Amino acid sequence: MQAQLFAKDLANASGVPINLVMEDLANISDDVQAYLGNNPEQLVRATVEARRLGMSLDQTAKIADSLLDFESSIEKEMEAQVLTGKTLNYDRARQLALQGDTVGAAKDLVAQMGGAAEFNKMNVVQQRALASSVGMSVGEMKKALGTKEKEKDLEEERAEKLAQAQMDQAKGIKIVATF
């Protein structure tokens, strides 16, 4: 019960639909448990973070598995660099995956991909190579990059609202101080 309340509160605070979080938690695979263990709080945090990236925990575990197939991962990373002209370095993501931080690994990779607009400008071969280099399909990559941009917009909106609330609060304090 306490884990459910924690999940609800964390999901609401992060702007993630609670139904997606609960669905992921109800369907935790053996692969995910191998990386994250059975700690309910850790599973909830990882689930919410994965959903903020536009992924499920299973997708982050799939990415981690792909990264930990070192020979193939390095080969695909090099191929993606040649085809896209991007400078990629998946070493940190591999390290995070090795430590069991599948969400951190996915987050590191998504940060290196650029934005959705940049990805959409690539030709089909480049998109496939880049997505494949991190163990994703082109559709999964587009979704993750689109979510990343939405998250950036939401963060800017939250910052503006916070600044406005602070200004309103300061005005209220100033009015009270004049009486």
Foldseek 3Di string as FASTA:
>chain_A
DVLLVVLVVVLVVLVHDSVQLVVLVVDPDPLLCVLQNDDSVSSSVLQSLQVLLVHGSVQLSLLLVLVLVPVNLVVLQVVLCVQLVFDDDLPVLNVCSVNSNSSVSVVVLLVRPDALVSLVVHDPVSLQSSQVSRRHGSVSSNSSRVSVVVSVVVVVVVVVVVVVVVVVVVVVVVVVVVD
